[in-house]
Amino acid sequence: IDLYDAESQALYRKASEIYKNIGFPCVSTSALTGENIDLLRSLISGKTVLFAGNSGVGKSALINALDPSQHLKTGEISTVHHKGKHTTTFAEMRLLADNTRIIDTPGIKEFGMTLIDQQEISHYFPEMAAFLNCCKYDNCTHVHEPGCAVIEAVADGRIAEQRYKSYLSIFNNDDTH
């Protein structure tokens, strides 16, 4: 949250509610102030986790906040762009003091799906699970078919529209969302 302005905070609140509603914990953290670092540490303790995100968002700084003995290289915040600078160049698993393993990754420029059949994409959206077998057609793509339970659930607010747009973006191999 160190880099968030008011607009970013509003976007975070909206997105975190969507993800909390489908069962994913969301924790606002600050590597600078230590806000919620103990909470994050307790959620991941003893597990293997991967930190992924855009370049310069603070993945390595967050690992240093979780375990200061890591001494990972971090960059300064750009005074021009108000964003962090790319510093991690390869993925590396780090062992923290509490037997937690964190994989620190280089920044992500784009995201793609490989080796996943287009018909299986909906199975990776947990909020769609209850509706997948309720469609009129067994081979429903949840894109345009009449009698699609997923489209109906989006229309009446049981599935978040933003998540459905993400599904469509992946389904259509469109990187604009």
C-alpha atoms as a PDB file:
ATOM      1  CA  ILE A   1       0.000   0.000   0.000  1.00  0.00           C
ATOM      2  CA  ASP A   2       3.059   2.272   0.135  1.00  0.00           C
ATOM      3  CA  LEU A   3       2.562   3.315  -3.489  1.00  0.00           C
ATOM      4  CA  TYR A   4      -1.223   3.807  -3.413  1.00  0.00           C
ATOM      5  CA  ASP A   5      -2.809   7.153  -4.049  1.00  0.00           C
ATOM      6  CA  ALA A   6      -6.521   7.683  -3.306  1.00  0.00           C
ATOM      7  CA  GLU A   7      -7.595   6.230  -6.667  1.00  0.00           C
ATOM      8  CA  SER A   8      -5.418   3.139  -6.215  1.00  0.00           C
ATOM      9  CA  GLN A   9      -6.794   2.630  -2.700  1.00  0.00           C
ATOM     10  CA  ALA A  10     -10.351   2.726  -4.044  1.00  0.00           C
ATOM     11  CA  LEU A  11      -9.476   0.180  -6.758  1.00  0.00           C
ATOM     12  CA  TYR A  12      -7.835  -2.050  -4.153  1.00  0.00           C
ATOM     13  CA  ARG A  13     -10.882  -1.935  -1.886  1.00  0.00           C
ATOM     14  CA  LYS A  14     -13.180  -2.852  -4.778  1.00  0.00           C
ATOM     15  CA  ALA A  15     -10.946  -5.677  -6.027  1.00  0.00           C
ATOM     16  CA  SER A  16     -10.263  -7.063  -2.552  1.00  0.00           C
ATOM     17  CA  GLU A  17     -14.001  -7.314  -1.841  1.00  0.00           C
ATOM     18  CA  ILE A  18     -14.466  -9.341  -5.013  1.00  0.00           C
ATOM     19  CA  TYR A  19     -11.678 -11.729  -4.048  1.00  0.00           C
ATOM     20  CA  LYS A  20     -12.701 -11.962  -0.392  1.00  0.00           C
ATOM     21  CA  ASN A  21     -16.215 -12.897  -1.509  1.00  0.00           C
ATOM     22  CA  ILE A  22     -14.865 -15.891  -3.421  1.00  0.00           C
ATOM     23  CA  GLY A  23     -12.656 -17.082  -0.588  1.00  0.00           C
ATOM     24  CA  PHE A  24      -9.259 -15.459  -1.115  1.00  0.00           C
ATOM     25  CA  PRO A  25      -7.702 -13.579   1.810  1.00  0.00           C
ATOM     26  CA  CYS A  26      -6.528 -10.069   0.912  1.00  0.00           C
ATOM     27  CA  VAL A  27      -4.065  -8.249   3.160  1.00  0.00           C
ATOM     28  CA  SER A  28      -2.911  -4.647   2.748  1.00  0.00           C
ATOM     29  CA  THR A  29       0.734  -4.485   3.741  1.00  0.00           C
ATOM     30  CA  SER A  30       3.428  -1.852   4.002  1.00  0.00           C
ATOM     31  CA  ALA A  31       7.073  -2.778   3.747  1.00  0.00           C
ATOM     32  CA  LEU A  32       7.910   0.763   4.890  1.00  0.00           C
ATOM     33  CA  THR A  33       5.749   1.001   8.020  1.00  0.00           C
ATOM     34  CA  GLY A  34       5.353  -2.706   8.796  1.00  0.00           C
ATOM     35  CA  GLU A  35       1.547  -2.486   8.602  1.00  0.00           C
ATOM     36  CA  ASN A  36       0.041  -6.006   8.586  1.00  0.00           C
ATOM     37  CA  ILE A  37       3.420  -7.691   8.095  1.00  0.00           C
ATOM     38  CA  ASP A  38       2.784  -9.866  11.186  1.00  0.00           C
ATOM     39  CA  LEU A  39      -0.631 -10.842   9.803  1.00  0.00           C
ATOM     40  CA  LEU A  40       0.851 -11.811   6.438  1.00  0.00           C
ATOM     41  CA  ARG A  41       3.645 -13.714   8.184  1.00  0.00           C
ATOM     42  CA  SER A  42       1.064 -15.722  10.162  1.00  0.00           C
ATOM     43  CA  LEU A  43      -0.946 -16.523   7.010  1.00  0.00           C
ATOM     44  CA  ILE A  44       2.054 -17.911   5.125  1.00  0.00           C
ATOM     45  CA  SER A  45       4.060 -19.402   8.011  1.00  0.00           C
ATOM     46  CA  GLY A  46       5.466 -22.835   7.172  1.00  0.00           C
ATOM     47  CA  LYS A  47       4.094 -22.758   3.607  1.00  0.00           C
ATOM     48  CA  THR A  48       5.644 -22.355   0.201  1.00  0.00           C
ATOM     49  CA  VAL A  49       4.349 -19.212  -1.493  1.00  0.00           C
ATOM     50  CA  LEU A  50       5.145 -17.272  -4.638  1.00  0.00           C
ATOM     51  CA  PHE A  51       5.203 -13.488  -4.860  1.00  0.00           C
ATOM     52  CA  ALA A  52       4.323 -12.328  -8.375  1.00  0.00           C
ATOM     53  CA  GLY A  53       3.411  -8.947  -9.780  1.00  0.00           C
ATOM     54  CA  ASN A  54       4.555  -6.130 -12.006  1.00  0.00           C
ATOM     55  CA  SER A  55       8.125  -4.862 -11.865  1.00  0.00           C
ATOM     56  CA  GLY A  56       8.836  -2.577  -8.953  1.00  0.00           C
ATOM     57  CA  VAL A  57       5.695  -3.239  -6.888  1.00  0.00           C
ATOM     58  CA  GLY A  58       7.681  -4.263  -3.816  1.00  0.00           C
ATOM     59  CA  LYS A  59       7.860  -8.067  -3.848  1.00  0.00           C
ATOM     60  CA  SER A  60      11.468  -8.130  -2.635  1.00  0.00           C
ATOM     61  CA  ALA A  61      10.845  -5.291  -0.155  1.00  0.00           C
ATOM     62  CA  LEU A  62       7.957  -7.303   1.275  1.00  0.00           C
ATOM     63  CA  ILE A  63      10.183 -10.362   1.700  1.00  0.00           C
ATOM     64  CA  ASN A  64      12.759  -8.194   3.493  1.00  0.00           C
ATOM     65  CA  ALA A  65       9.986  -6.900   5.780  1.00  0.00           C
ATOM     66  CA  LEU A  66       8.893 -10.465   6.548  1.00  0.00           C
ATOM     67  CA  ASP A  67      12.465 -11.540   7.301  1.00  0.00           C
ATOM     68  CA  PRO A  68      15.078  -8.750   7.461  1.00  0.00           C
ATOM     69  CA  SER A  69      17.911 -11.299   7.338  1.00  0.00           C
ATOM     70  CA  GLN A  70      17.164 -11.852   3.624  1.00  0.00           C
ATOM     71  CA  HIS A  71      18.824  -8.597   2.499  1.00  0.00           C
ATOM     72  CA  LEU A  72      17.259  -8.733  -0.961  1.00  0.00           C
ATOM     73  CA  LYS A  73      18.210  -5.938  -3.322  1.00  0.00           C
ATOM     74  CA  THR A  74      15.441  -3.370  -3.742  1.00  0.00           C
ATOM     75  CA  GLY A  75      15.212  -0.212  -5.802  1.00  0.00           C
ATOM     76  CA  GLU A  76      14.185   3.269  -4.843  1.00  0.00           C
ATOM     77  CA  ILE A  77      10.799   4.664  -5.769  1.00  0.00           C
ATOM     78  CA  SER A  78      11.056   6.754  -8.947  1.00  0.00           C
ATOM     79  CA  THR A  79      10.394  10.410  -8.219  1.00  0.00           C
ATOM     80  CA  VAL A  80       9.217  10.836 -11.823  1.00  0.00           C
ATOM     81  CA  HIS A  81       6.837   7.859 -12.159  1.00  0.00           C
ATOM     82  CA  HIS A  82       6.172   7.220  -8.443  1.00  0.00           C
ATOM     83  CA  LYS A  83       6.749   3.510  -9.046  1.00  0.00           C
ATOM     84  CA  GLY A  84       9.366   1.043  -7.935  1.00  0.00           C
ATOM     85  CA  LYS A  85      12.193   0.034 -10.227  1.00  0.00           C
ATOM     86  CA  HIS A  86      12.849  -3.469 -11.554  1.00  0.00           C
ATOM     87  CA  THR A  87      15.554  -5.203  -9.466  1.00  0.00           C
ATOM     88  CA  THR A  88      14.920  -8.989  -9.335  1.00  0.00           C
ATOM     89  CA  THR A  89      16.314 -10.720 -12.427  1.00  0.00           C
ATOM     90  CA  PHE A  90      15.468 -14.399 -11.822  1.00  0.00           C
ATOM     91  CA  ALA A  91      13.111 -16.456  -9.676  1.00  0.00           C
ATOM     92  CA  GLU A  92      14.651 -17.695  -6.453  1.00  0.00           C
ATOM     93  CA  MET A  93      13.212 -19.592  -3.490  1.00  0.00           C
ATOM     94  CA  ARG A  94      14.130 -18.064  -0.148  1.00  0.00           C
ATOM     95  CA  LEU A  95      13.868 -19.898   3.180  1.00  0.00           C
ATOM     96  CA  LEU A  96      12.643 -17.658   5.982  1.00  0.00           C
ATOM     97  CA  ALA A  97      13.381 -18.152   9.664  1.00  0.00           C
ATOM     98  CA  ASP A  98      10.004 -19.823  10.354  1.00  0.00           C
ATOM     99  CA  ASN A  99      10.439 -22.534   7.672  1.00  0.00           C
ATOM    100  CA  THR A 100       8.420 -20.498   5.183  1.00  0.00           C
ATOM    101  CA  ARG A 101       9.590 -20.735   1.597  1.00  0.00           C
ATOM    102  CA  ILE A 102       8.972 -17.694  -0.591  1.00  0.00           C
ATOM    103  CA  ILE A 103       9.661 -17.628  -4.280  1.00  0.00           C
ATOM    104  CA  ASP A 104      10.659 -14.117  -5.315  1.00  0.00           C
ATOM    105  CA  THR A 105      10.058 -13.576  -9.028  1.00  0.00           C
ATOM    106  CA  PRO A 106      11.079 -10.952 -11.552  1.00  0.00           C
ATOM    107  CA  GLY A 107       8.371  -8.496 -12.523  1.00  0.00           C
ATOM    108  CA  ILE A 108       5.660  -9.702 -14.847  1.00  0.00           C
ATOM    109  CA  LYS A 109       5.120  -7.777 -18.067  1.00  0.00           C
ATOM    110  CA  GLU A 110       2.322  -9.976 -19.399  1.00  0.00           C
ATOM    111  CA  PHE A 111       0.394 -13.057 -18.406  1.00  0.00           C
ATOM    112  CA  GLY A 112      -0.495 -15.973 -20.652  1.00  0.00           C
ATOM    113  CA  MET A 113      -2.217 -19.308 -20.303  1.00  0.00           C
ATOM    114  CA  THR A 114      -0.490 -22.386 -21.645  1.00  0.00           C
ATOM    115  CA  LEU A 115      -1.544 -26.027 -21.692  1.00  0.00           C
ATOM    116  CA  ILE A 116      -5.065 -25.194 -20.513  1.00  0.00           C
ATOM    117  CA  ASP A 117      -7.922 -26.207 -22.766  1.00  0.00           C
ATOM    118  CA  GLN A 118     -10.247 -23.303 -23.515  1.00  0.00           C
ATOM    119  CA  GLN A 119     -13.199 -25.339 -22.192  1.00  0.00           C
ATOM    120  CA  GLU A 120     -11.431 -25.701 -18.810  1.00  0.00           C
ATOM    121  CA  ILE A 121     -10.824 -21.992 -18.146  1.00  0.00           C
ATOM    122  CA  SER A 122     -14.105 -21.585 -16.243  1.00  0.00           C
ATOM    123  CA  HIS A 123     -12.931 -24.255 -13.778  1.00  0.00           C
ATOM    124  CA  TYR A 124     -10.213 -21.849 -12.586  1.00  0.00           C
ATOM    125  CA  PHE A 125     -12.844 -19.324 -11.469  1.00  0.00           C
ATOM    126  CA  PRO A 126     -14.147 -20.712  -8.155  1.00  0.00           C
ATOM    127  CA  GLU A 127     -17.184 -18.436  -8.123  1.00  0.00           C
ATOM    128  CA  MET A 128     -18.400 -20.109 -11.331  1.00  0.00           C
ATOM    129  CA  ALA A 129     -18.249 -23.650  -9.905  1.00  0.00           C
ATOM    130  CA  ALA A 130     -21.815 -23.686  -8.573  1.00  0.00           C
ATOM    131  CA  PHE A 131     -23.189 -22.692 -11.984  1.00  0.00           C
ATOM    132  CA  LEU A 132     -21.138 -24.777 -14.429  1.00  0.00           C
ATOM    133  CA  ASN A 133     -23.508 -27.757 -14.454  1.00  0.00           C
ATOM    134  CA  CYS A 134     -26.664 -25.619 -14.547  1.00  0.00           C
ATOM    135  CA  CYS A 135     -26.380 -24.353 -18.106  1.00  0.00           C
ATOM    136  CA  LYS A 136     -28.880 -25.348 -20.792  1.00  0.00           C
ATOM    137  CA  TYR A 137     -26.121 -26.895 -22.932  1.00  0.00           C
ATOM    138  CA  ASP A 138     -23.479 -29.334 -21.700  1.00  0.00           C
ATOM    139  CA  ASN A 139     -20.791 -27.742 -23.862  1.00  0.00           C
ATOM    140  CA  CYS A 140     -21.596 -24.176 -22.769  1.00  0.00           C
ATOM    141  CA  THR A 141     -18.650 -21.793 -23.106  1.00  0.00           C
ATOM    142  CA  HIS A 142     -20.347 -19.218 -20.845  1.00  0.00           C
ATOM    143  CA  VAL A 143     -19.819 -16.583 -23.522  1.00  0.00           C
ATOM    144  CA  HIS A 144     -22.934 -16.317 -25.697  1.00  0.00           C
ATOM    145  CA  GLU A 145     -25.186 -19.350 -25.241  1.00  0.00           C
ATOM    146  CA  PRO A 146     -28.846 -18.915 -24.294  1.00  0.00           C
ATOM    147  CA  GLY A 147     -29.711 -20.467 -20.958  1.00  0.00           C
ATOM    148  CA  CYS A 148     -26.190 -20.019 -19.581  1.00  0.00           C
ATOM    149  CA  ALA A 149     -26.306 -20.090 -15.780  1.00  0.00           C
ATOM    150  CA  VAL A 150     -22.966 -18.259 -15.515  1.00  0.00           C
ATOM    151  CA  ILE A 151     -24.161 -15.332 -17.652  1.00  0.00           C
ATOM    152  CA  GLU A 152     -27.363 -15.206 -15.592  1.00  0.00           C
ATOM    153  CA  ALA A 153     -25.323 -15.181 -12.358  1.00  0.00           C
ATOM    154  CA  VAL A 154     -23.276 -12.253 -13.683  1.00  0.00           C
ATOM    155  CA  ALA A 155     -26.437 -10.395 -14.693  1.00  0.00           C
ATOM    156  CA  ASP A 156     -27.970 -10.704 -11.227  1.00  0.00           C
ATOM    157  CA  GLY A 157     -24.752  -9.970  -9.326  1.00  0.00           C
ATOM    158  CA  ARG A 158     -23.931 -13.430  -7.979  1.00  0.00           C
ATOM    159  CA  ILE A 159     -20.689 -13.364  -9.979  1.00  0.00           C
ATOM    160  CA  ALA A 160     -18.710 -10.105 -10.077  1.00  0.00           C
ATOM    161  CA  GLU A 161     -18.757  -8.508 -13.509  1.00  0.00           C
ATOM    162  CA  GLN A 162     -15.018  -7.744 -13.315  1.00  0.00           C
ATOM    163  CA  ARG A 163     -14.219 -11.411 -12.720  1.00  0.00           C
ATOM    164  CA  TYR A 164     -16.432 -12.403 -15.660  1.00  0.00           C
ATOM    165  CA  LYS A 165     -14.597  -9.857 -17.832  1.00  0.00           C
ATOM    166  CA  SER A 166     -11.330 -11.510 -16.744  1.00  0.00           C
ATOM    167  CA  TYR A 167     -12.771 -14.881 -17.750  1.00  0.00           C
ATOM    168  CA  LEU A 168     -13.785 -13.523 -21.171  1.00  0.00           C
ATOM    169  CA  SER A 169     -10.369 -11.931 -21.616  1.00  0.00           C
ATOM    170  CA  ILE A 170      -8.598 -15.226 -20.958  1.00  0.00           C
ATOM    171  CA  PHE A 171     -11.153 -17.223 -22.965  1.00  0.00           C
ATOM    172  CA  ASN A 172     -10.732 -14.900 -25.966  1.00  0.00           C
ATOM    173  CA  ASN A 173      -6.942 -14.636 -25.477  1.00  0.00           C
ATOM    174  CA  ASP A 174      -7.375 -10.869 -25.180  1.00  0.00           C
ATOM    175  CA  ASP A 175      -4.800  -9.063 -23.037  1.00  0.00           C
ATOM    176  CA  THR A 176      -6.723  -5.782 -22.696  1.00  0.00           C
ATOM    177  CA  HIS A 177      -8.210  -6.739 -19.284  1.00  0.00           C
END
